[in-house]
Amino acid sequence: MKSNTNGMYDLEICRGKKIDTANGSTSMETHIGKYRGKVQCADGTESVIIIKNVKVVPGLVKNLFSLSTVMRNNWDFLTETKADSKVLKIKKNNVEYKFEKKYQKTQMEDI
């Protein structure tokens, strides 16, 4: 989910779909479509990523990425131990994305 349509295409208008957020408020989904953007890899390089079925929910403070949706779409969900930390990976066929950024507890509360 994201808060605006920047970087999105193949948009469809959604009417009346409510999204309940973690803080107990309810927002209305306005669009659904594909998102094309860039992700920064651990080595500093950037890769283009296309995500399908992205919902636009105005008012979101942070973009949200659903790991359960990823797994329902037949991506493998893996962890790898690197030095003192765990690396989260999603993989399908020959495509793999790693989530290596480490957050402190106070930073995670803001996500």
PDB file of N, CA and C in Angstrom:
ATOM      1  N   MET A   1       0.845  -1.174   0.000  1.00  0.00           N
ATOM      2  CA  MET A   1       0.000   0.000   0.000  1.00  0.00           C
ATOM      3  C   MET A   1       0.887   1.232   0.000  1.00  0.00           C
ATOM      4  N   LYS A   2       0.421   2.251  -0.696  1.00  0.00           N
ATOM      5  CA  LYS A   2       1.098   3.544  -0.658  1.00  0.00           C
ATOM      6  C   LYS A   2       0.082   4.655  -0.594  1.00  0.00           C
ATOM      7  N   SER A   3       0.546   5.845  -0.281  1.00  0.00           N
ATOM      8  CA  SER A   3      -0.380   6.949  -0.038  1.00  0.00           C
ATOM      9  C   SER A   3      -0.730   7.756  -1.279  1.00  0.00           C
ATOM     10  N   ASN A   4      -0.036   7.518  -2.399  1.00  0.00           N
ATOM     11  CA  ASN A   4      -0.309   8.285  -3.618  1.00  0.00           C
ATOM     12  C   ASN A   4      -0.061   7.424  -4.852  1.00  0.00           C
ATOM     13  N   THR A   5      -0.342   7.959  -6.026  1.00  0.00           N
ATOM     14  CA  THR A   5      -0.220   7.196  -7.268  1.00  0.00           C
ATOM     15  C   THR A   5       1.118   7.410  -7.976  1.00  0.00           C
ATOM     16  N   ASN A   6       2.057   8.112  -7.360  1.00  0.00           N
ATOM     17  CA  ASN A   6       3.364   8.334  -7.987  1.00  0.00           C
ATOM     18  C   ASN A   6       4.033   7.010  -8.329  1.00  0.00           C
ATOM     19  N   GLY A   7       4.489   6.869  -9.577  1.00  0.00           N
ATOM     20  CA  GLY A   7       5.171   5.655 -10.018  1.00  0.00           C
ATOM     21  C   GLY A   7       4.233   4.518 -10.383  1.00  0.00           C
ATOM     22  N   MET A   8       2.921   4.781 -10.366  1.00  0.00           N
ATOM     23  CA  MET A   8       1.959   3.711 -10.628  1.00  0.00           C
ATOM     24  C   MET A   8       1.381   3.809 -12.033  1.00  0.00           C
ATOM     25  N   TYR A   9       0.915   2.669 -12.542  1.00  0.00           N
ATOM     26  CA  TYR A   9       0.270   2.609 -13.854  1.00  0.00           C
ATOM     27  C   TYR A   9      -0.755   1.482 -13.854  1.00  0.00           C
ATOM     28  N   ASP A  10      -1.507   1.382 -14.945  1.00  0.00           N
ATOM     29  CA  ASP A  10      -2.626   0.412 -15.026  1.00  0.00           C
ATOM     30  C   ASP A  10      -3.555   0.567 -13.823  1.00  0.00           C
ATOM     31  N   LEU A  11      -3.861   1.821 -13.483  1.00  0.00           N
ATOM     32  CA  LEU A  11      -4.676   2.112 -12.306  1.00  0.00           C
ATOM     33  C   LEU A  11      -6.154   1.860 -12.553  1.00  0.00           C
ATOM     34  N   GLU A  12      -6.797   1.312 -11.551  1.00  0.00           N
ATOM     35  CA  GLU A  12      -8.252   1.165 -11.542  1.00  0.00           C
ATOM     36  C   GLU A  12      -8.770   1.919 -10.324  1.00  0.00           C
ATOM     37  N   ILE A  13      -9.892   2.583 -10.491  1.00  0.00           N
ATOM     38  CA  ILE A  13     -10.492   3.313  -9.377  1.00  0.00           C
ATOM     39  C   ILE A  13     -11.245   2.331  -8.486  1.00  0.00           C
ATOM     40  N   CYS A  14     -11.060   2.467  -7.191  1.00  0.00           N
ATOM     41  CA  CYS A  14     -11.764   1.640  -6.209  1.00  0.00           C
ATOM     42  C   CYS A  14     -12.784   2.516  -5.495  1.00  0.00           C
ATOM     43  N   ARG A  15     -13.928   1.990  -5.279  1.00  0.00           N
ATOM     44  CA  ARG A  15     -14.974   2.766  -4.598  1.00  0.00           C
ATOM     45  C   ARG A  15     -15.443   2.026  -3.343  1.00  0.00           C
ATOM     46  N   GLY A  16     -15.310   2.714  -2.233  1.00  0.00           N
ATOM     47  CA  GLY A  16     -15.891   2.210  -0.998  1.00  0.00           C
ATOM     48  C   GLY A  16     -15.135   1.102  -0.301  1.00  0.00           C
ATOM     49  N   LYS A  17     -13.896   0.801  -0.671  1.00  0.00           N
ATOM     50  CA  LYS A  17     -13.146  -0.229   0.038  1.00  0.00           C
ATOM     51  C   LYS A  17     -12.437   0.399   1.226  1.00  0.00           C
ATOM     52  N   LYS A  18     -12.750  -0.104   2.415  1.00  0.00           N
ATOM     53  CA  LYS A  18     -12.176   0.447   3.634  1.00  0.00           C
ATOM     54  C   LYS A  18     -10.944  -0.348   4.048  1.00  0.00           C
ATOM     55  N   ILE A  19      -9.952   0.374   4.541  1.00  0.00           N
ATOM     56  CA  ILE A  19      -8.727  -0.231   5.043  1.00  0.00           C
ATOM     57  C   ILE A  19      -8.607   0.144   6.513  1.00  0.00           C
ATOM     58  N   ASP A  20      -8.576  -0.850   7.394  1.00  0.00           N
ATOM     59  CA  ASP A  20      -8.379  -0.604   8.821  1.00  0.00           C
ATOM     60  C   ASP A  20      -6.879  -0.566   9.090  1.00  0.00           C
ATOM     61  N   THR A  21      -6.422   0.483   9.760  1.00  0.00           N
ATOM     62  CA  THR A  21      -5.006   0.628  10.039  1.00  0.00           C
ATOM     63  C   THR A  21      -4.678   0.190  11.457  1.00  0.00           C
ATOM     64  N   ALA A  22      -3.392   0.034  11.723  1.00  0.00           N
ATOM     65  CA  ALA A  22      -2.943  -0.478  13.019  1.00  0.00           C
ATOM     66  C   ALA A  22      -3.304   0.439  14.173  1.00  0.00           C
ATOM     67  N   ASN A  23      -3.427   1.742  13.910  1.00  0.00           N
ATOM     68  CA  ASN A  23      -3.753   2.651  15.009  1.00  0.00           C
ATOM     69  C   ASN A  23      -5.259   2.746  15.261  1.00  0.00           C
ATOM     70  N   GLY A  24      -6.031   1.917  14.566  1.00  0.00           N
ATOM     71  CA  GLY A  24      -7.463   1.865  14.799  1.00  0.00           C
ATOM     72  C   GLY A  24      -8.300   2.756  13.901  1.00  0.00           C
ATOM     73  N   SER A  25      -7.649   3.559  13.046  1.00  0.00           N
ATOM     74  CA  SER A  25      -8.416   4.416  12.143  1.00  0.00           C
ATOM     75  C   SER A  25      -8.766   3.655  10.865  1.00  0.00           C
ATOM     76  N   THR A  26      -9.683   4.200  10.107  1.00  0.00           N
ATOM     77  CA  THR A  26     -10.105   3.597   8.850  1.00  0.00           C
ATOM     78  C   THR A  26      -9.872   4.596   7.729  1.00  0.00           C
ATOM     79  N   SER A  27      -9.268   4.126   6.633  1.00  0.00           N
ATOM     80  CA  SER A  27      -9.042   4.952   5.456  1.00  0.00           C
ATOM     81  C   SER A  27      -9.716   4.282   4.272  1.00  0.00           C
ATOM     82  N   MET A  28      -9.948   5.055   3.238  1.00  0.00           N
ATOM     83  CA  MET A  28     -10.581   4.525   2.030  1.00  0.00           C
ATOM     84  C   MET A  28      -9.541   4.305   0.942  1.00  0.00           C
ATOM     85  N   GLU A  29      -9.541   3.121   0.385  1.00  0.00           N
ATOM     86  CA  GLU A  29      -8.681   2.812  -0.755  1.00  0.00           C
ATOM     87  C   GLU A  29      -9.256   3.523  -1.982  1.00  0.00           C
ATOM     88  N   THR A  30      -8.393   4.223  -2.747  1.00  0.00           N
ATOM     89  CA  THR A  30      -8.894   4.973  -3.901  1.00  0.00           C
ATOM     90  C   THR A  30      -8.550   4.327  -5.243  1.00  0.00           C
ATOM     91  N   HIS A  31      -7.407   3.653  -5.312  1.00  0.00           N
ATOM     92  CA  HIS A  31      -6.959   3.038  -6.565  1.00  0.00           C
ATOM     93  C   HIS A  31      -6.238   1.729  -6.267  1.00  0.00           C
ATOM     94  N   ILE A  32      -6.106   0.906  -7.304  1.00  0.00           N
ATOM     95  CA  ILE A  32      -5.259  -0.281  -7.251  1.00  0.00           C
ATOM     96  C   ILE A  32      -4.565  -0.372  -8.604  1.00  0.00           C
ATOM     97  N   GLY A  33      -3.312  -0.800  -8.607  1.00  0.00           N
ATOM     98  CA  GLY A  33      -2.579  -0.887  -9.863  1.00  0.00           C
ATOM     99  C   GLY A  33      -1.187  -1.444  -9.653  1.00  0.00           C
ATOM    100  N   LYS A  34      -0.322  -1.188 -10.627  1.00  0.00           N
ATOM    101  CA  LYS A  34       1.060  -1.647 -10.574  1.00  0.00           C
ATOM    102  C   LYS A  34       1.963  -0.475 -10.214  1.00  0.00           C
ATOM    103  N   TYR A  35       3.029  -0.787  -9.488  1.00  0.00           N
ATOM    104  CA  TYR A  35       4.006   0.231  -9.091  1.00  0.00           C
ATOM    105  C   TYR A  35       5.359  -0.129  -9.672  1.00  0.00           C
ATOM    106  N   ARG A  36       5.979   0.849 -10.289  1.00  0.00           N
ATOM    107  CA  ARG A  36       7.334   0.672 -10.810  1.00  0.00           C
ATOM    108  C   ARG A  36       8.224   1.666 -10.078  1.00  0.00           C
ATOM    109  N   GLY A  37       9.224   1.144  -9.411  1.00  0.00           N
ATOM    110  CA  GLY A  37      10.131   2.004  -8.658  1.00  0.00           C
ATOM    111  C   GLY A  37      11.505   1.390  -8.569  1.00  0.00           C
ATOM    112  N   LYS A  38      12.345   1.989  -7.767  1.00  0.00           N
ATOM    113  CA  LYS A  38      13.700   1.494  -7.568  1.00  0.00           C
ATOM    114  C   LYS A  38      13.892   1.119  -6.112  1.00  0.00           C
ATOM    115  N   VAL A  39      14.653   0.058  -5.906  1.00  0.00           N
ATOM    116  CA  VAL A  39      15.044  -0.328  -4.557  1.00  0.00           C
ATOM    117  C   VAL A  39      16.557  -0.276  -4.484  1.00  0.00           C
ATOM    118  N   GLN A  40      17.053   0.126  -3.335  1.00  0.00           N
ATOM    119  CA  GLN A  40      18.496   0.188  -3.158  1.00  0.00           C
ATOM    120  C   GLN A  40      18.969  -1.106  -2.528  1.00  0.00           C
ATOM    121  N   CYS A  41      19.940  -1.732  -3.168  1.00  0.00           N
ATOM    122  CA  CYS A  41      20.503  -2.991  -2.677  1.00  0.00           C
ATOM    123  C   CYS A  41      21.569  -2.696  -1.626  1.00  0.00           C
ATOM    124  N   ALA A  42      21.954  -3.735  -0.888  1.00  0.00           N
ATOM    125  CA  ALA A  42      22.925  -3.579   0.190  1.00  0.00           C
ATOM    126  C   ALA A  42      24.267  -3.069  -0.318  1.00  0.00           C
ATOM    127  N   ASP A  43      24.620  -3.410  -1.553  1.00  0.00           N
ATOM    128  CA  ASP A  43      25.908  -2.966  -2.101  1.00  0.00           C
ATOM    129  C   ASP A  43      25.842  -1.558  -2.695  1.00  0.00           C
ATOM    130  N   GLY A  44      24.693  -0.887  -2.558  1.00  0.00           N
ATOM    131  CA  GLY A  44      24.540   0.476  -3.045  1.00  0.00           C
ATOM    132  C   GLY A  44      23.959   0.595  -4.437  1.00  0.00           C
ATOM    133  N   THR A  45      23.869  -0.508  -5.165  1.00  0.00           N
ATOM    134  CA  THR A  45      23.281  -0.462  -6.501  1.00  0.00           C
ATOM    135  C   THR A  45      21.764  -0.365  -6.392  1.00  0.00           C
ATOM    136  N   GLU A  46      21.138   0.063  -7.480  1.00  0.00           N
ATOM    137  CA  GLU A  46      19.681   0.152  -7.514  1.00  0.00           C
ATOM    138  C   GLU A  46      19.122  -0.832  -8.521  1.00  0.00           C
ATOM    139  N   SER A  47      17.986  -1.408  -8.196  1.00  0.00           N
ATOM    140  CA  SER A  47      17.280  -2.314  -9.097  1.00  0.00           C
ATOM    141  C   SER A  47      15.870  -1.799  -9.303  1.00  0.00           C
ATOM    142  N   VAL A  48      15.371  -1.986 -10.519  1.00  0.00           N
ATOM    143  CA  VAL A  48      13.985  -1.626 -10.804  1.00  0.00           C
ATOM    144  C   VAL A  48      13.095  -2.758 -10.311  1.00  0.00           C
ATOM    145  N   ILE A  49      12.001  -2.402  -9.678  1.00  0.00           N
ATOM    146  CA  ILE A  49      11.063  -3.392  -9.155  1.00  0.00           C
ATOM    147  C   ILE A  49       9.658  -3.014  -9.614  1.00  0.00           C
ATOM    148  N   ILE A  50       8.886  -4.024  -9.972  1.00  0.00           N
ATOM    149  CA  ILE A  50       7.484  -3.818 -10.334  1.00  0.00           C
ATOM    150  C   ILE A  50       6.647  -4.651  -9.367  1.00  0.00           C
ATOM    151  N   ILE A  51       5.709  -3.989  -8.710  1.00  0.00           N
ATOM    152  CA  ILE A  51       4.839  -4.666  -7.747  1.00  0.00           C
ATOM    153  C   ILE A  51       3.408  -4.545  -8.258  1.00  0.00           C
ATOM    154  N   LYS A  52       2.703  -5.668  -8.300  1.00  0.00           N
ATOM    155  CA  LYS A  52       1.316  -5.695  -8.762  1.00  0.00           C
ATOM    156  C   LYS A  52       0.360  -5.554  -7.590  1.00  0.00           C
ATOM    157  N   ASN A  53      -0.870  -5.147  -7.893  1.00  0.00           N
ATOM    158  CA  ASN A  53      -1.945  -5.054  -6.894  1.00  0.00           C
ATOM    159  C   ASN A  53      -1.599  -4.141  -5.725  1.00  0.00           C
ATOM    160  N   VAL A  54      -0.979  -3.017  -6.039  1.00  0.00           N
ATOM    161  CA  VAL A  54      -0.661  -2.034  -5.010  1.00  0.00           C
ATOM    162  C   VAL A  54      -1.902  -1.175  -4.768  1.00  0.00           C
ATOM    163  N   LYS A  55      -2.276  -1.046  -3.522  1.00  0.00           N
ATOM    164  CA  LYS A  55      -3.445  -0.251  -3.153  1.00  0.00           C
ATOM    165  C   LYS A  55      -2.998   1.152  -2.763  1.00  0.00           C
ATOM    166  N   VAL A  56      -3.747   2.155  -3.214  1.00  0.00           N
ATOM    167  CA  VAL A  56      -3.482   3.538  -2.846  1.00  0.00           C
ATOM    168  C   VAL A  56      -4.444   3.918  -1.723  1.00  0.00           C
ATOM    169  N   VAL A  57      -3.878   4.292  -0.587  1.00  0.00           N
ATOM    170  CA  VAL A  57      -4.668   4.661   0.584  1.00  0.00           C
ATOM    171  C   VAL A  57      -4.157   6.024   1.067  1.00  0.00           C
ATOM    172  N   PRO A  58      -4.802   7.114   0.610  1.00  0.00           N
ATOM    173  CA  PRO A  58      -4.366   8.438   1.048  1.00  0.00           C
ATOM    174  C   PRO A  58      -4.378   8.528   2.573  1.00  0.00           C
ATOM    175  N   GLY A  59      -3.381   9.207   3.102  1.00  0.00           N
ATOM    176  CA  GLY A  59      -3.302   9.356   4.550  1.00  0.00           C
ATOM    177  C   GLY A  59      -2.319   8.416   5.205  1.00  0.00           C
ATOM    178  N   LEU A  60      -1.844   7.401   4.488  1.00  0.00           N
ATOM    179  CA  LEU A  60      -0.823   6.529   5.076  1.00  0.00           C
ATOM    180  C   LEU A  60       0.426   7.359   5.332  1.00  0.00           C
ATOM    181  N   VAL A  61       1.068   7.130   6.450  1.00  0.00           N
ATOM    182  CA  VAL A  61       2.290   7.846   6.779  1.00  0.00           C
ATOM    183  C   VAL A  61       3.498   7.149   6.157  1.00  0.00           C
ATOM    184  N   LYS A  62       3.461   5.837   6.064  1.00  0.00           N
ATOM    185  CA  LYS A  62       4.546   5.035   5.486  1.00  0.00           C
ATOM    186  C   LYS A  62       3.949   4.060   4.479  1.00  0.00           C
ATOM    187  N   ASN A  63       4.730   3.725   3.450  1.00  0.00           N
ATOM    188  CA  ASN A  63       4.309   2.672   2.529  1.00  0.00           C
ATOM    189  C   ASN A  63       4.373   1.341   3.259  1.00  0.00           C
ATOM    190  N   LEU A  64       3.477   0.429   2.908  1.00  0.00           N
ATOM    191  CA  LEU A  64       3.416  -0.874   3.558  1.00  0.00           C
ATOM    192  C   LEU A  64       3.663  -1.975   2.545  1.00  0.00           C
ATOM    193  N   PHE A  65       4.392  -3.006   2.969  1.00  0.00           N
ATOM    194  CA  PHE A  65       4.718  -4.146   2.118  1.00  0.00           C
ATOM    195  C   PHE A  65       4.294  -5.402   2.861  1.00  0.00           C
ATOM    196  N   SER A  66       3.393  -6.188   2.287  1.00  0.00           N
ATOM    197  CA  SER A  66       2.823  -7.339   2.975  1.00  0.00           C
ATOM    198  C   SER A  66       3.569  -8.629   2.646  1.00  0.00           C
ATOM    199  N   LEU A  67       4.250  -9.176   3.638  1.00  0.00           N
ATOM    200  CA  LEU A  67       4.955 -10.443   3.430  1.00  0.00           C
ATOM    201  C   LEU A  67       3.979 -11.606   3.277  1.00  0.00           C
ATOM    202  N   SER A  68       2.836 -11.556   3.944  1.00  0.00           N
ATOM    203  CA  SER A  68       1.869 -12.646   3.788  1.00  0.00           C
ATOM    204  C   SER A  68       1.317 -12.663   2.356  1.00  0.00           C
ATOM    205  N   THR A  69       1.129 -11.495   1.750  1.00  0.00           N
ATOM    206  CA  THR A  69       0.684 -11.443   0.347  1.00  0.00           C
ATOM    207  C   THR A  69       1.762 -11.998  -0.568  1.00  0.00           C
ATOM    208  N   VAL A  70       3.004 -11.681  -0.279  1.00  0.00           N
ATOM    209  CA  VAL A  70       4.128 -12.202  -1.062  1.00  0.00           C
ATOM    210  C   VAL A  70       4.109 -13.733  -1.027  1.00  0.00           C
ATOM    211  N   MET A  71       3.933 -14.307   0.146  1.00  0.00           N
ATOM    212  CA  MET A  71       3.930 -15.763   0.278  1.00  0.00           C
ATOM    213  C   MET A  71       2.722 -16.387  -0.409  1.00  0.00           C
ATOM    214  N   ARG A  72       1.557 -15.722  -0.361  1.00  0.00           N
ATOM    215  CA  ARG A  72       0.367 -16.243  -1.048  1.00  0.00           C
ATOM    216  C   ARG A  72       0.557 -16.262  -2.563  1.00  0.00           C
ATOM    217  N   ASN A  73       1.478 -15.430  -3.054  1.00  0.00           N
ATOM    218  CA  ASN A  73       1.760 -15.375  -4.482  1.00  0.00           C
ATOM    219  C   ASN A  73       2.974 -16.212  -4.859  1.00  0.00           C
ATOM    220  N   ASN A  74       3.223 -17.240  -4.048  1.00  0.00           N
ATOM    221  CA  ASN A  74       4.240 -18.259  -4.327  1.00  0.00           C
ATOM    222  C   ASN A  74       5.680 -17.770  -4.314  1.00  0.00           C
ATOM    223  N   TRP A  75       5.965 -16.724  -3.566  1.00  0.00           N
ATOM    224  CA  TRP A  75       7.344 -16.328  -3.325  1.00  0.00           C
ATOM    225  C   TRP A  75       7.810 -17.067  -2.077  1.00  0.00           C
ATOM    226  N   ASP A  76       9.066 -17.454  -2.048  1.00  0.00           N
ATOM    227  CA  ASP A  76       9.639 -18.060  -0.852  1.00  0.00           C
ATOM    228  C   ASP A  76      10.081 -16.956   0.093  1.00  0.00           C
ATOM    229  N   PHE A  77       9.877 -17.181   1.353  1.00  0.00           N
ATOM    230  CA  PHE A  77      10.225 -16.248   2.409  1.00  0.00           C
ATOM    231  C   PHE A  77      11.325 -16.908   3.220  1.00  0.00           C
ATOM    232  N   LEU A  78      12.520 -16.297   3.224  1.00  0.00           N
ATOM    233  CA  LEU A  78      13.688 -16.924   3.843  1.00  0.00           C
ATOM    234  C   LEU A  78      14.396 -15.959   4.782  1.00  0.00           C
ATOM    235  N   THR A  79      15.155 -16.514   5.716  1.00  0.00           N
ATOM    236  CA  THR A  79      16.054 -15.694   6.532  1.00  0.00           C
ATOM    237  C   THR A  79      17.455 -16.262   6.402  1.00  0.00           C
ATOM    238  N   GLU A  80      18.420 -15.393   6.580  1.00  0.00           N
ATOM    239  CA  GLU A  80      19.820 -15.786   6.487  1.00  0.00           C
ATOM    240  C   GLU A  80      20.551 -15.051   7.602  1.00  0.00           C
ATOM    241  N   THR A  81      21.440 -15.754   8.302  1.00  0.00           N
ATOM    242  CA  THR A  81      22.209 -15.114   9.364  1.00  0.00           C
ATOM    243  C   THR A  81      23.496 -14.576   8.763  1.00  0.00           C
ATOM    244  N   LYS A  82      23.728 -13.278   9.004  1.00  0.00           N
ATOM    245  CA  LYS A  82      24.931 -12.599   8.514  1.00  0.00           C
ATOM    246  C   LYS A  82      25.581 -11.914   9.691  1.00  0.00           C
ATOM    247  N   ALA A  83      26.745 -12.366  10.084  1.00  0.00           N
ATOM    248  CA  ALA A  83      27.444 -11.797  11.244  1.00  0.00           C
ATOM    249  C   ALA A  83      26.494 -11.797  12.442  1.00  0.00           C
ATOM    250  N   ASP A  84      26.125 -10.620  12.937  1.00  0.00           N
ATOM    251  CA  ASP A  84      25.258 -10.521  14.118  1.00  0.00           C
ATOM    252  C   ASP A  84      23.807 -10.277  13.773  1.00  0.00           C
ATOM    253  N   SER A  85      23.456 -10.296  12.507  1.00  0.00           N
ATOM    254  CA  SER A  85      22.082  -9.924  12.148  1.00  0.00           C
ATOM    255  C   SER A  85      21.437 -10.960  11.234  1.00  0.00           C
ATOM    256  N   LYS A  86      20.124 -10.862  11.140  1.00  0.00           N
ATOM    257  CA  LYS A  86      19.353 -11.711  10.236  1.00  0.00           C
ATOM    258  C   LYS A  86      19.004 -10.901   9.005  1.00  0.00           C
ATOM    259  N   VAL A  87      19.041 -11.551   7.856  1.00  0.00           N
ATOM    260  CA  VAL A  87      18.652 -10.924   6.599  1.00  0.00           C
ATOM    261  C   VAL A  87      17.378 -11.601   6.146  1.00  0.00           C
ATOM    262  N   LEU A  88      16.384 -10.810   5.807  1.00  0.00           N
ATOM    263  CA  LEU A  88      15.106 -11.300   5.320  1.00  0.00           C
ATOM    264  C   LEU A  88      15.163 -11.318   3.802  1.00  0.00           C
ATOM    265  N   LYS A  89      14.747 -12.434   3.191  1.00  0.00           N
ATOM    266  CA  LYS A  89      14.778 -12.539   1.734  1.00  0.00           C
ATOM    267  C   LYS A  89      13.442 -13.055   1.220  1.00  0.00           C
ATOM    268  N   ILE A  90      13.052 -12.558   0.055  1.00  0.00           N
ATOM    269  CA  ILE A  90      11.941 -13.156  -0.683  1.00  0.00           C
ATOM    270  C   ILE A  90      12.510 -13.569  -2.036  1.00  0.00           C
ATOM    271  N   LYS A  91      12.069 -14.734  -2.520  1.00  0.00           N
ATOM    272  CA  LYS A  91      12.653 -15.277  -3.733  1.00  0.00           C
ATOM    273  C   LYS A  91      11.594 -16.022  -4.531  1.00  0.00           C
ATOM    274  N   LYS A  92      11.639 -15.822  -5.846  1.00  0.00           N
ATOM    275  CA  LYS A  92      10.765 -16.550  -6.759  1.00  0.00           C
ATOM    276  C   LYS A  92      11.537 -16.761  -8.052  1.00  0.00           C
ATOM    277  N   ASN A  93      11.676 -18.037  -8.443  1.00  0.00           N
ATOM    278  CA  ASN A  93      12.470 -18.394  -9.619  1.00  0.00           C
ATOM    279  C   ASN A  93      13.875 -17.801  -9.467  1.00  0.00           C
ATOM    280  N   ASN A  94      14.317 -16.982 -10.403  1.00  0.00           N
ATOM    281  CA  ASN A  94      15.672 -16.433 -10.304  1.00  0.00           C
ATOM    282  C   ASN A  94      15.697 -14.990  -9.789  1.00  0.00           C
ATOM    283  N   VAL A  95      14.581 -14.521  -9.223  1.00  0.00           N
ATOM    284  CA  VAL A  95      14.498 -13.161  -8.692  1.00  0.00           C
ATOM    285  C   VAL A  95      14.531 -13.227  -7.166  1.00  0.00           C
ATOM    286  N   GLU A  96      15.409 -12.431  -6.576  1.00  0.00           N
ATOM    287  CA  GLU A  96      15.541 -12.431  -5.121  1.00  0.00           C
ATOM    288  C   GLU A  96      15.721 -11.005  -4.621  1.00  0.00           C
ATOM    289  N   TYR A  97      15.029 -10.672  -3.522  1.00  0.00           N
ATOM    290  CA  TYR A  97      15.189  -9.380  -2.877  1.00  0.00           C
ATOM    291  C   TYR A  97      15.562  -9.621  -1.429  1.00  0.00           C
ATOM    292  N   LYS A  98      16.548  -8.856  -0.958  1.00  0.00           N
ATOM    293  CA  LYS A  98      16.996  -8.957   0.427  1.00  0.00           C
ATOM    294  C   LYS A  98      16.623  -7.682   1.162  1.00  0.00           C
ATOM    295  N   PHE A  99      16.188  -7.861   2.392  1.00  0.00           N
ATOM    296  CA  PHE A  99      15.864  -6.750   3.271  1.00  0.00           C
ATOM    297  C   PHE A  99      16.900  -6.776   4.383  1.00  0.00           C
ATOM    298  N   GLU A 100      17.928  -5.935   4.242  1.00  0.00           N
ATOM    299  CA  GLU A 100      19.061  -5.998   5.156  1.00  0.00           C
ATOM    300  C   GLU A 100      19.186  -4.814   6.087  1.00  0.00           C
ATOM    301  N   LYS A 101      18.378  -3.792   5.906  1.00  0.00           N
ATOM    302  CA  LYS A 101      18.527  -2.600   6.717  1.00  0.00           C
ATOM    303  C   LYS A 101      18.145  -2.905   8.159  1.00  0.00           C
ATOM    304  N   LYS A 102      18.987  -2.502   9.064  1.00  0.00           N
ATOM    305  CA  LYS A 102      18.758  -2.762  10.470  1.00  0.00           C
ATOM    306  C   LYS A 102      18.122  -1.538  11.115  1.00  0.00           C
ATOM    307  N   TYR A 103      17.067  -1.759  11.894  1.00  0.00           N
ATOM    308  CA  TYR A 103      16.357  -0.682  12.573  1.00  0.00           C
ATOM    309  C   TYR A 103      16.482  -0.851  14.071  1.00  0.00           C
ATOM    310  N   GLN A 104      16.595   0.263  14.755  1.00  0.00           N
ATOM    311  CA  GLN A 104      16.542   0.234  16.208  1.00  0.00           C
ATOM    312  C   GLN A 104      15.080   0.179  16.614  1.00  0.00           C
ATOM    313  N   LYS A 105      14.809  -0.219  17.827  1.00  0.00           N
ATOM    314  CA  LYS A 105      13.430  -0.359  18.284  1.00  0.00           C
ATOM    315  C   LYS A 105      12.628   0.924  18.084  1.00  0.00           C
ATOM    316  N   THR A 106      13.206   2.081  18.394  1.00  0.00           N
ATOM    317  CA  THR A 106      12.456   3.329  18.249  1.00  0.00           C
ATOM    318  C   THR A 106      12.154   3.624  16.797  1.00  0.00           C
ATOM    319  N   GLN A 107      13.021   3.218  15.864  1.00  0.00           N
ATOM    320  CA  GLN A 107      12.760   3.421  14.442  1.00  0.00           C
ATOM    321  C   GLN A 107      11.642   2.512  13.975  1.00  0.00           C
ATOM    322  N   MET A 108      11.581   1.292  14.469  1.00  0.00           N
ATOM    323  CA  MET A 108      10.547   0.345  14.053  1.00  0.00           C
ATOM    324  C   MET A 108       9.168   0.824  14.486  1.00  0.00           C
ATOM    325  N   GLU A 109       9.075   1.522  15.597  1.00  0.00           N
ATOM    326  CA  GLU A 109       7.790   2.015  16.060  1.00  0.00           C
ATOM    327  C   GLU A 109       7.222   3.060  15.108  1.00  0.00           C
ATOM    328  N   ASP A 110       8.097   3.718  14.328  1.00  0.00           N
ATOM    329  CA  ASP A 110       7.664   4.742  13.376  1.00  0.00           C
ATOM    330  C   ASP A 110       7.242   4.158  12.039  1.00  0.00           C
ATOM    331  N   ILE A 111       7.485   2.881  11.800  1.00  0.00           N
ATOM    332  CA  ILE A 111       7.191   2.268  10.501  1.00  0.00           C
ATOM    333  C   ILE A 111       5.758   1.822  10.417  1.00  0.00           C
TER     334      ILE A 111
END
